[in-house]
C-alpha atoms as a PDB file:
ATOM      1  CA  ALA A   1      72.220  73.483 200.946  1.00  0.00           C
ATOM      2  CA  ALA A   2      71.318  69.999 199.672  1.00  0.00           C
ATOM      3  CA  GLY A   3      74.605  68.484 200.808  1.00  0.00           C
ATOM      4  CA  ILE A   4      75.778  67.772 197.266  1.00  0.00           C
ATOM      5  CA  PRO A   5      79.500  68.486 196.863  1.00  0.00           C
ATOM      6  CA  CYS A   6      80.050  70.885 193.984  1.00  0.00           C
ATOM      7  CA  GLU A   7      82.542  73.333 192.579  1.00  0.00           C
ATOM      8  CA  LEU A   8      82.341  76.293 190.196  1.00  0.00           C
ATOM      9  CA  TYR A   9      85.119  76.753 187.685  1.00  0.00           C
ATOM     10  CA  HIS A  10      87.304  79.616 188.863  1.00  0.00           C
ATOM     11  CA  GLU A  11      87.578  81.681 185.651  1.00  0.00           C
ATOM     12  CA  ALA A  12      85.836  82.373 182.357  1.00  0.00           C
ATOM     13  CA  ALA A  13      87.091  79.659 180.010  1.00  0.00           C
ATOM     14  CA  LYS A  14      85.882  77.498 177.149  1.00  0.00           C
ATOM     15  CA  LEU A  15      83.897  74.419 178.104  1.00  0.00           C
ATOM     16  CA  ASP A  16      86.608  72.078 176.818  1.00  0.00           C
ATOM     17  CA  LYS A  17      89.107  73.521 179.299  1.00  0.00           C
ATOM     18  CA  GLN A  18      86.546  73.232 182.104  1.00  0.00           C
ATOM     19  CA  PHE A  19      85.787  69.592 181.230  1.00  0.00           C
ATOM     20  CA  LYS A  20      89.491  68.722 181.233  1.00  0.00           C
ATOM     21  CA  TYR A  21      89.865  70.358 184.651  1.00  0.00           C
ATOM     22  CA  ALA A  22      86.928  68.327 185.995  1.00  0.00           C
ATOM     23  CA  GLU A  23      88.327  65.110 184.544  1.00  0.00           C
ATOM     24  CA  ARG A  24      91.738  65.731 186.160  1.00  0.00           C
ATOM     25  CA  LYS A  25      89.984  66.194 189.517  1.00  0.00           C
ATOM     26  CA  LYS A  26      87.898  63.039 188.891  1.00  0.00           C
ATOM     27  CA  ILE A  27      84.641  64.993 189.087  1.00  0.00           C
ATOM     28  CA  PRO A  28      81.949  62.608 187.791  1.00  0.00           C
ATOM     29  CA  PHE A  29      79.381  65.115 186.454  1.00  0.00           C
ATOM     30  CA  ALA A  30      79.318  68.571 184.899  1.00  0.00           C
ATOM     31  CA  VAL A  31      76.198  70.719 185.075  1.00  0.00           C
ATOM     32  CA  ILE A  32      75.908  73.169 182.193  1.00  0.00           C
ATOM     33  CA  ILE A  33      73.526  76.110 182.264  1.00  0.00           C
ATOM     34  CA  GLY A  34      73.624  78.639 179.429  1.00  0.00           C
ATOM     35  CA  SER A  35      71.104  81.134 178.123  1.00  0.00           C
ATOM     36  CA  ALA A  36      69.103  78.464 176.247  1.00  0.00           C
ATOM     37  CA  GLU A  37      68.942  76.313 179.386  1.00  0.00           C
ATOM     38  CA  LEU A  38      67.803  79.276 181.475  1.00  0.00           C
ATOM     39  CA  THR A  39      64.982  79.892 178.991  1.00  0.00           C
ATOM     40  CA  GLU A  40      63.973  76.207 179.115  1.00  0.00           C
ATOM     41  CA  GLN A  41      64.495  75.988 182.915  1.00  0.00           C
ATOM     42  CA  VAL A  42      66.718  72.923 182.479  1.00  0.00           C
ATOM     43  CA  ALA A  43      70.343  72.035 183.115  1.00  0.00           C
ATOM     44  CA  VAL A  44      72.434  69.816 180.882  1.00  0.00           C
ATOM     45  CA  VAL A  45      74.066  67.172 183.072  1.00  0.00           C
ATOM     46  CA  LYS A  46      77.058  65.480 181.468  1.00  0.00           C
ATOM     47  CA  ASN A  47      78.472  62.260 182.842  1.00  0.00           C
ATOM     48  CA  LEU A  48      82.194  62.843 182.408  1.00  0.00           C
ATOM     49  CA  ARG A  49      82.980  59.123 182.521  1.00  0.00           C
ATOM     50  CA  THR A  50      80.586  58.016 179.770  1.00  0.00           C
ATOM     51  CA  GLY A  51      80.079  61.292 177.872  1.00  0.00           C
ATOM     52  CA  GLU A  52      76.297  60.859 178.136  1.00  0.00           C
ATOM     53  CA  GLN A  53      74.320  64.098 178.456  1.00  0.00           C
ATOM     54  CA  GLN A  54      70.752  64.678 179.506  1.00  0.00           C
ATOM     55  CA  LYS A  55      68.518  67.642 180.195  1.00  0.00           C
ATOM     56  CA  ILE A  56      67.204  67.775 183.753  1.00  0.00           C
ATOM     57  CA  PRO A  57      64.575  70.322 184.863  1.00  0.00           C
ATOM     58  CA  PHE A  58      65.891  72.654 187.557  1.00  0.00           C
ATOM     59  CA  LYS A  59      63.299  71.376 190.026  1.00  0.00           C
ATOM     60  CA  SER A  60      64.575  67.795 189.559  1.00  0.00           C
ATOM     61  CA  LEU A  61      68.324  68.409 189.939  1.00  0.00           C
ATOM     62  CA  LYS A  62      68.415  67.674 193.664  1.00  0.00           C
ATOM     63  CA  SER A  63      66.698  64.299 193.246  1.00  0.00           C
ATOM     64  CA  PHE A  64      68.923  63.451 190.250  1.00  0.00           C
ATOM     65  CA  PHE A  65      71.999  63.667 192.465  1.00  0.00           C
ATOM     66  CA  GLN A  66      70.343  62.198 195.584  1.00  0.00           C
ATOM     67  CA  PRO A  67      68.460  59.054 194.494  1.00  0.00           C
END
C-alpha cells in the first residue's frame, strides 16, 4: 500500500537460508519480525550489504524506507 517493493520468503526455512536467497536477488534489506518483536512492536531491519541491524518501531517502518 505504501509503494515499497517487498517480497515474503516462499517457505518455512531458517533465517540463514532466507538471507542467502535475498542476497542472491540483491535485496538490500531484510525485515525480521518474530514473537519478541511482536511483543515489543518493533521490526529488526537488517542491511544485507553492511550487516548492520536496527530495531524500528512498526509505526516508523514506512518512513524508514521512504525518507
